[in-house]
Amino acid sequence: MDRSIAGIILAGGQSRRMGGGDKPLLSLGKARLIDHVAARLRPQVATLALNANGDPARFAGTNLPVLADTVPGYAGPLAGVLTGLEWAATNTSCRSLVTAAGDTPFFPGDLVERLAAAAHERPGAIAVASSDGRWHPTFALWPLGIGNALRHFLVEEDNRRVSAFMERHGFVEVEFPMIEAEGQRIDPFFNINTPDDLAEAERVSQSLRP
């Protein structure tokens, strides 16, 4: 655990491809997606929160503070990042924020450690995870000092593209290996968007059990 890093789980999306509702509250095995994600991220950070809009009571079982977007209009993942940055700057003594998507249950247990090491080599840069030749902007380490720039980008420029903000600010990619399980190569950042994805996640979960 890095005591200088806060964490936030991004669960503010509208889950259109899943038919609406809250993807993170879907069951995977004997637990909900959000419980899998929280269990992976909580040991890696000093403190953890959840970004979600609407009635926070539906996430009561997580024992996490639930933070609604601080900008209106369901502005996408960057709104959740901004919410986390502003929360961490006001309520913690941390210097950075790591973000994780609430629909991605198999991400690495050394995510924060490796992102932090890369950020140490490039002070001020955003460290973003990648795998199998693709980067995953919702899995990133953000310096708290970029909050004002991000708010301007979202509100004044009305730009919601995560990659565009990262490219403007400066970032470093951190490559994570694929997971090998029972002859399969599984992307650790496999995320669940559709019912078929959820069924695949069940199969992956079974193959990863000891």
Protein backbone atom coordinates (compact mmCIF):
# COMPACT_ATOMS: atom_id res chain seq x y z
CA MET A 1 0.00 0.00 0.00
CA ASP A 2 1.27 3.46 -0.94
CA ARG A 3 0.12 6.00 1.65
CA SER A 4 0.62 8.87 -0.81
CA ILE A 5 -1.96 7.50 -3.27
CA ALA A 6 -5.76 7.64 -3.00
CA GLY A 7 -8.00 5.49 -5.15
CA ILE A 8 -11.39 5.88 -6.79
CA ILE A 9 -13.51 3.30 -8.59
CA LEU A 10 -15.27 4.77 -11.62
CA ALA A 11 -18.86 3.53 -11.67
CA GLY A 12 -20.72 6.54 -13.01
CA GLY A 13 -21.54 5.18 -16.48
CA GLN A 14 -25.04 4.48 -17.77
CA SER A 15 -24.41 0.86 -18.90
CA ARG A 16 -26.35 1.18 -22.16
CA ARG A 17 -24.89 -1.97 -23.74
CA MET A 18 -25.89 -3.96 -20.66
CA GLY A 19 -29.44 -2.65 -20.92
CA GLY A 20 -29.08 0.09 -18.34
CA GLY A 21 -28.75 -0.13 -14.57
CA ASP A 22 -25.55 -0.53 -12.60
CA LYS A 23 -23.03 -2.93 -14.09
CA PRO A 24 -20.90 -2.91 -10.92
CA LEU A 25 -23.83 -4.38 -8.96
CA LEU A 26 -24.08 -7.44 -11.23
CA SER A 27 -23.02 -10.73 -9.69
CA LEU A 28 -19.80 -12.46 -10.69
CA GLY A 29 -19.48 -15.74 -8.88
CA LYS A 30 -20.44 -15.22 -5.24
CA ALA A 31 -19.79 -11.46 -5.19
CA ARG A 32 -20.74 -8.35 -7.11
CA LEU A 33 -18.41 -6.79 -9.67
CA ILE A 34 -17.91 -3.78 -7.42
CA ASP A 35 -16.84 -6.07 -4.57
CA HIS A 36 -14.23 -7.77 -6.79
CA VAL A 37 -12.86 -4.40 -7.91
CA ALA A 38 -12.79 -2.95 -4.39
CA ALA A 39 -11.08 -6.05 -3.01
CA ARG A 40 -8.31 -5.69 -5.60
CA LEU A 41 -7.79 -1.96 -5.25
CA ARG A 42 -8.27 -1.38 -1.51
CA PRO A 43 -4.98 -3.04 -0.42
CA GLN A 44 -3.03 -0.96 -2.96
CA VAL A 45 -4.05 2.53 -1.81
CA ALA A 46 -4.19 4.63 1.35
CA THR A 47 -7.90 5.39 1.02
CA LEU A 48 -10.63 4.47 -1.44
CA ALA A 49 -13.87 6.00 -2.72
CA LEU A 50 -16.49 5.19 -5.35
CA ASN A 51 -17.69 7.53 -8.08
CA ALA A 52 -21.35 6.94 -8.94
CA ASN A 53 -24.35 9.11 -9.70
CA GLY A 54 -27.89 8.69 -8.41
CA ASP A 55 -28.95 7.26 -5.06
CA PRO A 56 -25.77 6.34 -3.14
CA ALA A 57 -27.71 3.93 -0.91
CA ARG A 58 -27.53 1.19 -3.56
CA PHE A 59 -23.78 0.96 -2.89
CA ALA A 60 -24.13 0.91 0.89
CA GLY A 61 -22.72 -2.61 1.13
CA THR A 62 -19.32 -1.49 -0.17
CA ASN A 63 -18.53 0.61 2.93
CA LEU A 64 -17.02 3.21 0.61
CA PRO A 65 -17.82 6.92 0.35
CA VAL A 66 -19.93 7.41 -2.78
CA LEU A 67 -19.11 10.57 -4.73
CA ALA A 68 -21.36 11.95 -7.47
CA ASP A 69 -19.81 13.77 -10.44
CA THR A 70 -18.85 17.33 -9.58
CA VAL A 71 -19.74 18.44 -13.12
CA PRO A 72 -23.26 17.93 -14.54
CA GLY A 73 -24.43 16.03 -17.57
CA TYR A 74 -22.86 12.57 -17.28
CA ALA A 75 -19.61 13.82 -18.77
CA GLY A 76 -17.97 10.40 -18.92
CA PRO A 77 -14.92 8.96 -17.18
CA LEU A 78 -13.11 12.29 -16.96
CA ALA A 79 -15.90 13.60 -14.73
CA GLY A 80 -15.20 10.73 -12.35
CA VAL A 81 -11.47 11.42 -12.48
CA LEU A 82 -12.08 15.09 -11.68
CA THR A 83 -14.41 14.14 -8.83
CA GLY A 84 -11.72 11.90 -7.38
CA LEU A 85 -8.98 14.50 -7.76
CA GLU A 86 -11.04 17.15 -5.99
CA TRP A 87 -12.08 14.73 -3.23
CA ALA A 88 -8.52 13.56 -2.62
CA ALA A 89 -7.12 17.10 -2.64
CA THR A 90 -9.70 18.24 -0.07
CA ASN A 91 -10.05 15.19 2.16
CA THR A 92 -6.72 13.37 2.15
CA SER A 93 -3.00 14.06 2.45
CA CYS A 94 -2.29 12.04 -0.70
CA ARG A 95 -0.34 13.39 -3.66
CA SER A 96 -1.81 11.22 -6.43
CA LEU A 97 -5.02 9.46 -7.38
CA VAL A 98 -5.34 6.07 -9.05
CA THR A 99 -8.50 5.29 -11.00
CA ALA A 100 -10.00 1.89 -11.78
CA ALA A 101 -13.11 0.97 -13.75
CA GLY A 102 -15.94 -0.63 -11.82
CA ASP A 103 -16.58 -3.25 -14.54
CA THR A 104 -13.05 -4.70 -14.75
CA PRO A 105 -12.61 -7.43 -12.14
CA PHE A 106 -9.24 -8.98 -13.08
CA PHE A 107 -6.85 -6.01 -13.09
CA PRO A 108 -3.37 -6.58 -11.62
CA GLY A 109 -2.62 -6.67 -7.92
CA ASP A 110 0.52 -4.62 -8.59
CA LEU A 111 -1.30 -1.97 -10.64
CA VAL A 112 -0.58 0.93 -8.30
CA GLU A 113 2.99 -0.11 -7.53
CA ARG A 114 3.95 -0.22 -11.20
CA LEU A 115 2.10 2.97 -12.16
CA ALA A 116 3.75 4.80 -9.26
CA ALA A 117 7.20 3.59 -10.30
CA ALA A 118 6.64 4.92 -13.83
CA ALA A 119 5.32 8.25 -12.52
CA HIS A 120 8.41 8.57 -10.32
CA GLU A 121 10.56 8.38 -13.45
CA ARG A 122 8.41 11.03 -15.19
CA PRO A 123 7.43 13.53 -12.46
CA GLY A 124 4.15 15.28 -13.21
CA ALA A 125 3.11 12.87 -15.95
CA ILE A 126 0.00 10.70 -15.89
CA ALA A 127 0.91 7.00 -15.74
CA VAL A 128 -1.57 4.88 -17.71
CA ALA A 129 -1.90 1.10 -17.92
CA SER A 130 -1.69 -0.78 -21.20
CA SER A 131 -1.85 -4.42 -22.28
CA ASP A 132 -1.68 -6.33 -25.54
CA GLY A 133 -0.89 -3.15 -27.46
CA ARG A 134 -3.85 -1.11 -26.10
CA TRP A 135 -3.87 1.47 -23.38
CA HIS A 136 -6.58 1.70 -20.73
CA PRO A 137 -7.14 5.34 -19.76
CA THR A 138 -9.51 4.53 -16.88
CA PHE A 139 -6.62 2.71 -15.18
CA ALA A 140 -4.20 5.51 -14.49
CA LEU A 141 -2.30 7.41 -11.82
CA TRP A 142 -3.06 11.13 -11.81
CA PRO A 143 -1.11 13.85 -9.94
CA LEU A 144 -3.54 15.84 -7.80
CA GLY A 145 -2.17 19.12 -9.12
CA ILE A 146 -3.87 18.71 -12.50
CA GLY A 147 -7.39 19.12 -11.11
CA ASN A 148 -7.83 22.73 -12.22
CA ALA A 149 -6.57 21.97 -15.73
CA LEU A 150 -8.94 19.03 -16.00
CA ARG A 151 -11.92 21.07 -14.81
CA HIS A 152 -11.15 23.71 -17.46
CA PHE A 153 -10.82 20.99 -20.13
CA LEU A 154 -14.19 19.48 -19.19
CA VAL A 155 -16.23 22.57 -18.42
CA GLU A 156 -14.77 25.45 -20.43
CA GLU A 157 -13.64 23.44 -23.46
CA ASP A 158 -16.46 20.87 -23.21
CA ASN A 159 -14.02 18.11 -24.16
CA ARG A 160 -14.67 14.65 -22.70
CA ARG A 161 -11.95 12.62 -24.42
CA VAL A 162 -9.70 11.01 -21.84
CA SER A 163 -6.94 10.33 -24.36
CA ALA A 164 -6.97 13.95 -25.54
CA PHE A 165 -6.43 15.25 -22.03
CA MET A 166 -3.66 12.75 -21.37
CA GLU A 167 -1.89 13.67 -24.59
CA ARG A 168 -2.09 17.35 -23.73
CA HIS A 169 -0.82 16.90 -20.20
CA GLY A 170 1.83 14.27 -20.87
CA PHE A 171 1.68 10.60 -19.98
CA VAL A 172 3.73 7.44 -19.72
CA GLU A 173 2.39 3.99 -20.61
CA VAL A 174 2.97 1.02 -18.34
CA GLU A 175 2.62 -2.34 -20.08
CA PHE A 176 1.06 -5.20 -18.09
CA PRO A 177 1.35 -8.83 -19.22
CA MET A 178 -1.56 -10.97 -20.28
CA ILE A 179 -2.82 -13.54 -17.78
CA GLU A 180 -2.12 -17.15 -18.66
CA ALA A 181 -4.80 -19.51 -17.34
CA GLU A 182 -5.64 -23.01 -18.57
CA GLY A 183 -4.15 -22.36 -21.98
CA GLN A 184 -5.94 -19.03 -22.37
CA ARG A 185 -4.41 -15.59 -22.69
CA ILE A 186 -6.66 -13.22 -20.74
CA ASP A 187 -6.37 -9.46 -20.81
CA PRO A 188 -6.09 -8.29 -17.17
CA PHE A 189 -8.14 -5.24 -18.16
CA PHE A 190 -10.97 -7.23 -19.71
CA ASN A 191 -14.10 -5.21 -18.95
CA ILE A 192 -17.73 -6.23 -18.92
CA ASN A 193 -20.03 -4.31 -21.26
CA THR A 194 -22.59 -6.88 -22.42
CA PRO A 195 -24.32 -10.01 -21.11
CA ASP A 196 -21.93 -12.07 -23.24
CA ASP A 197 -18.98 -10.36 -21.54
CA LEU A 198 -20.43 -11.25 -18.15
CA ALA A 199 -20.72 -14.89 -19.17
CA GLU A 200 -17.10 -14.81 -20.38
CA ALA A 201 -16.03 -13.25 -17.07
CA GLU A 202 -17.68 -16.14 -15.24
CA ARG A 203 -15.60 -18.58 -17.30
CA VAL A 204 -12.43 -16.57 -16.68
CA SER A 205 -13.16 -16.39 -12.97
CA GLN A 206 -13.51 -20.16 -12.81
CA SER A 207 -10.22 -20.69 -14.66
CA LEU A 208 -8.35 -18.34 -12.30
CA ARG A 209 -9.49 -20.06 -9.13
CA PRO A 210 -6.71 -22.08 -7.43
